C-alpha atoms as a PDB file:
ATOM      1  CA  UNK A   1       3.553 -28.828  -7.308  1.00  0.00           C
ATOM      2  CA  UNK A   2       1.512 -25.723  -8.020  1.00  0.00           C
ATOM      3  CA  UNK A   3       2.988 -22.803  -9.960  1.00  0.00           C
ATOM      4  CA  UNK A   4       1.963 -19.492  -8.373  1.00  0.00           C
ATOM      5  CA  UNK A   5       3.180 -17.233 -11.183  1.00  0.00           C
ATOM      6  CA  UNK A   6       1.326 -14.015 -11.934  1.00  0.00           C
ATOM      7  CA  UNK A   7      -1.434 -14.268 -14.528  1.00  0.00           C
ATOM      8  CA  UNK A   8      -0.690 -11.959 -17.467  1.00  0.00           C
ATOM      9  CA  UNK A   9       1.865  -9.217 -17.068  1.00  0.00           C
ATOM     10  CA  UNK A  10       3.447  -8.576 -13.711  1.00  0.00           C
ATOM     11  CA  UNK A  11       2.506  -5.404 -11.816  1.00  0.00           C
ATOM     12  CA  UNK A  12       4.632  -2.292 -11.987  1.00  0.00           C
ATOM     13  CA  UNK A  13       6.977  -1.808  -9.023  1.00  0.00           C
ATOM     14  CA  UNK A  14       5.658   1.720  -8.467  1.00  0.00           C
ATOM     15  CA  UNK A  15       3.299   2.909  -5.761  1.00  0.00           C
ATOM     16  CA  UNK A  16       0.649   3.779  -8.349  1.00  0.00           C
ATOM     17  CA  UNK A  17      -0.846   0.303  -8.826  1.00  0.00           C
ATOM     18  CA  UNK A  18      -2.283  -2.032  -6.221  1.00  0.00           C
ATOM     19  CA  UNK A  19      -2.464  -5.705  -7.079  1.00  0.00           C
ATOM     20  CA  UNK A  20      -3.516  -8.913  -5.444  1.00  0.00           C
ATOM     21  CA  UNK A  21      -1.365 -12.033  -5.368  1.00  0.00           C
ATOM     22  CA  UNK A  22      -2.928 -13.092  -8.678  1.00  0.00           C
ATOM     23  CA  UNK A  23      -1.800  -9.852 -10.352  1.00  0.00           C
ATOM     24  CA  UNK A  24      -5.323  -8.444 -10.668  1.00  0.00           C
ATOM     25  CA  UNK A  25      -5.898  -4.827  -9.674  1.00  0.00           C
ATOM     26  CA  UNK A  26      -7.882  -4.379  -6.478  1.00  0.00           C
ATOM     27  CA  UNK A  27     -10.929  -2.198  -6.023  1.00  0.00           C
ATOM     28  CA  UNK A  28     -11.912  -0.041  -3.090  1.00  0.00           C
ATOM     29  CA  UNK A  29      -8.331   0.796  -2.123  1.00  0.00           C
ATOM     30  CA  UNK A  30      -6.449   4.064  -2.174  1.00  0.00           C
ATOM     31  CA  UNK A  31      -2.819   5.143  -2.111  1.00  0.00           C
ATOM     32  CA  UNK A  32      -1.541   8.398  -0.707  1.00  0.00           C
ATOM     33  CA  UNK A  33       1.991   9.650  -0.161  1.00  0.00           C
ATOM     34  CA  UNK A  34       3.819  11.784   2.350  1.00  0.00           C
ATOM     35  CA  UNK A  35       7.408  12.496   3.315  1.00  0.00           C
ATOM     36  CA  UNK A  36       7.913  11.602   6.976  1.00  0.00           C
ATOM     37  CA  UNK A  37       9.935  13.994   9.143  1.00  0.00           C
ATOM     38  CA  UNK A  38      12.629  12.203  11.136  1.00  0.00           C
ATOM     39  CA  UNK A  39      11.565  11.653  14.738  1.00  0.00           C
ATOM     40  CA  UNK A  40       8.047  13.021  14.205  1.00  0.00           C
ATOM     41  CA  UNK A  41       5.002  10.774  14.616  1.00  0.00           C
ATOM     42  CA  UNK A  42       2.489  10.502  11.770  1.00  0.00           C
ATOM     43  CA  UNK A  43      -0.843   8.680  11.497  1.00  0.00           C
ATOM     44  CA  UNK A  44      -1.171   6.753   8.199  1.00  0.00           C
ATOM     45  CA  UNK A  45      -4.973   6.503   8.447  1.00  0.00           C
ATOM     46  CA  UNK A  46      -7.536   7.637  10.983  1.00  0.00           C
ATOM     47  CA  UNK A  47     -10.211   5.238   9.688  1.00  0.00           C
ATOM     48  CA  UNK A  48      -8.597   2.112   8.154  1.00  0.00           C
ATOM     49  CA  UNK A  49      -5.684  -0.205   8.728  1.00  0.00           C
ATOM     50  CA  UNK A  50      -2.878   0.727   6.356  1.00  0.00           C
ATOM     51  CA  UNK A  51       0.206  -0.689   4.707  1.00  0.00           C
ATOM     52  CA  UNK A  52       3.005   1.865   4.829  1.00  0.00           C
ATOM     53  CA  UNK A  53       5.984   1.646   2.486  1.00  0.00           C
ATOM     54  CA  UNK A  54       8.863   3.901   3.588  1.00  0.00           C
ATOM     55  CA  UNK A  55      11.880   4.585   1.401  1.00  0.00           C
ATOM     56  CA  UNK A  56      15.253   5.136   3.083  1.00  0.00           C
ATOM     57  CA  UNK A  57      18.471   6.099   1.247  1.00  0.00           C
ATOM     58  CA  UNK A  58      22.035   6.100   2.574  1.00  0.00           C
ATOM     59  CA  UNK A  59      24.430   8.409   0.727  1.00  0.00           C
ATOM     60  CA  UNK A  60      26.702   7.946   3.743  1.00  0.00           C
ATOM     61  CA  UNK A  61      26.715   5.213   6.376  1.00  0.00           C
ATOM     62  CA  UNK A  62      23.940   5.649   8.913  1.00  0.00           C
ATOM     63  CA  UNK A  63      20.987   4.005  10.587  1.00  0.00           C
ATOM     64  CA  UNK A  64      17.284   4.297  11.266  1.00  0.00           C
ATOM     65  CA  UNK A  65      14.895   3.374  14.046  1.00  0.00           C
ATOM     66  CA  UNK A  66      11.252   2.502  13.362  1.00  0.00           C
ATOM     67  CA  UNK A  67       8.558   2.438  16.046  1.00  0.00           C
ATOM     68  CA  UNK A  68       4.758   2.490  16.090  1.00  0.00           C
ATOM     69  CA  UNK A  69       1.893   2.360  18.545  1.00  0.00           C
ATOM     70  CA  UNK A  70      -1.582   3.534  19.509  1.00  0.00           C
ATOM     71  CA  UNK A  71      -0.632   6.620  21.500  1.00  0.00           C
ATOM     72  CA  UNK A  72       2.780   8.213  20.883  1.00  0.00           C
ATOM     73  CA  UNK A  73       4.059   5.916  18.139  1.00  0.00           C
ATOM     74  CA  UNK A  74       6.907   4.732  20.365  1.00  0.00           C
ATOM     75  CA  UNK A  75       5.187   1.804  22.101  1.00  0.00           C
ATOM     76  CA  UNK A  76       6.526  -0.953  19.810  1.00  0.00           C
ATOM     77  CA  UNK A  77       9.975  -1.040  18.213  1.00  0.00           C
ATOM     78  CA  UNK A  78      10.225  -2.644  14.786  1.00  0.00           C
ATOM     79  CA  UNK A  79      13.930  -1.914  14.317  1.00  0.00           C
ATOM     80  CA  UNK A  80      16.388  -0.014  16.488  1.00  0.00           C
ATOM     81  CA  UNK A  81      19.527   1.570  15.027  1.00  0.00           C
ATOM     82  CA  UNK A  82      19.244  -0.539  11.847  1.00  0.00           C
ATOM     83  CA  UNK A  83      22.573  -0.014  10.067  1.00  0.00           C
ATOM     84  CA  UNK A  84      22.757   1.034   6.421  1.00  0.00           C
ATOM     85  CA  UNK A  85      25.949   1.045   4.374  1.00  0.00           C
ATOM     86  CA  UNK A  86      27.049   3.769   1.967  1.00  0.00           C
ATOM     87  CA  UNK A  87      25.000   3.774  -1.241  1.00  0.00           C
ATOM     88  CA  UNK A  88      22.285   1.435   0.007  1.00  0.00           C
ATOM     89  CA  UNK A  89      18.528   1.866  -0.270  1.00  0.00           C
ATOM     90  CA  UNK A  90      15.724   0.200   1.653  1.00  0.00           C
ATOM     91  CA  UNK A  91      11.953   0.095   1.442  1.00  0.00           C
ATOM     92  CA  UNK A  92      10.473  -0.753   4.819  1.00  0.00           C
ATOM     93  CA  UNK A  93       6.915  -2.101   4.854  1.00  0.00           C
ATOM     94  CA  UNK A  94       4.736  -1.931   7.955  1.00  0.00           C
ATOM     95  CA  UNK A  95       1.075  -2.766   8.553  1.00  0.00           C
ATOM     96  CA  UNK A  96      -0.403  -0.158  10.884  1.00  0.00           C
ATOM     97  CA  UNK A  97      -3.812  -0.365  12.595  1.00  0.00           C
ATOM     98  CA  UNK A  98      -6.212   2.545  12.099  1.00  0.00           C
ATOM     99  CA  UNK A  99      -5.420   5.592  14.270  1.00  0.00           C
ATOM    100  CA  UNK A 100      -1.966   4.293  15.284  1.00  0.00           C
ATOM    101  CA  UNK A 101       1.120   6.438  14.846  1.00  0.00           C
ATOM    102  CA  UNK A 102       4.488   5.673  13.215  1.00  0.00           C
ATOM    103  CA  UNK A 103       7.861   7.253  14.013  1.00  0.00           C
ATOM    104  CA  UNK A 104      10.838   6.850  11.690  1.00  0.00           C
ATOM    105  CA  UNK A 105      14.047   8.369  13.054  1.00  0.00           C
ATOM    106  CA  UNK A 106      16.980   8.708  10.675  1.00  0.00           C
ATOM    107  CA  UNK A 107      20.634   9.113  11.611  1.00  0.00           C
ATOM    108  CA  UNK A 108      22.772  10.231   8.636  1.00  0.00           C
ATOM    109  CA  UNK A 109      20.331   8.644   6.152  1.00  0.00           C
ATOM    110  CA  UNK A 110      17.593  10.237   4.059  1.00  0.00           C
ATOM    111  CA  UNK A 111      13.910   9.425   4.411  1.00  0.00           C
ATOM    112  CA  UNK A 112      12.185   9.446   1.032  1.00  0.00           C
ATOM    113  CA  UNK A 113       8.536   9.401   0.100  1.00  0.00           C
ATOM    114  CA  UNK A 114       6.258   7.052   2.037  1.00  0.00           C
ATOM    115  CA  UNK A 115       3.314   5.420   0.283  1.00  0.00           C
ATOM    116  CA  UNK A 116       0.240   4.575   2.343  1.00  0.00           C
ATOM    117  CA  UNK A 117      -2.221   1.955   1.070  1.00  0.00           C
ATOM    118  CA  UNK A 118      -5.635   1.720   2.711  1.00  0.00           C
ATOM    119  CA  UNK A 119      -8.680  -0.374   1.925  1.00  0.00           C
END
């Protein structure tokens, strides 16, 4: 059986470092951040596919809906009315093709900073 442990020290769990599965930093990638507005479409990247990491916090019970698509951002539903309990946090990860839009709609939960990783 093969052991797939990270070589050296494990990467930091922050958005500042990008690593491969072997734990080695990648080159030619960039990370930007934004704070999505509930119910408003945003385009992670106009030129490259992107990985989007969205932070959601629930100080009170609530839910969120996540959609994305090539035109309005509502063509494909990833999660609809996903329930969150009091005091919970979630980081939702979504791969988004270049030029596509994302819509995160929050109901009684807080949308935090989103990190966008592009190659």
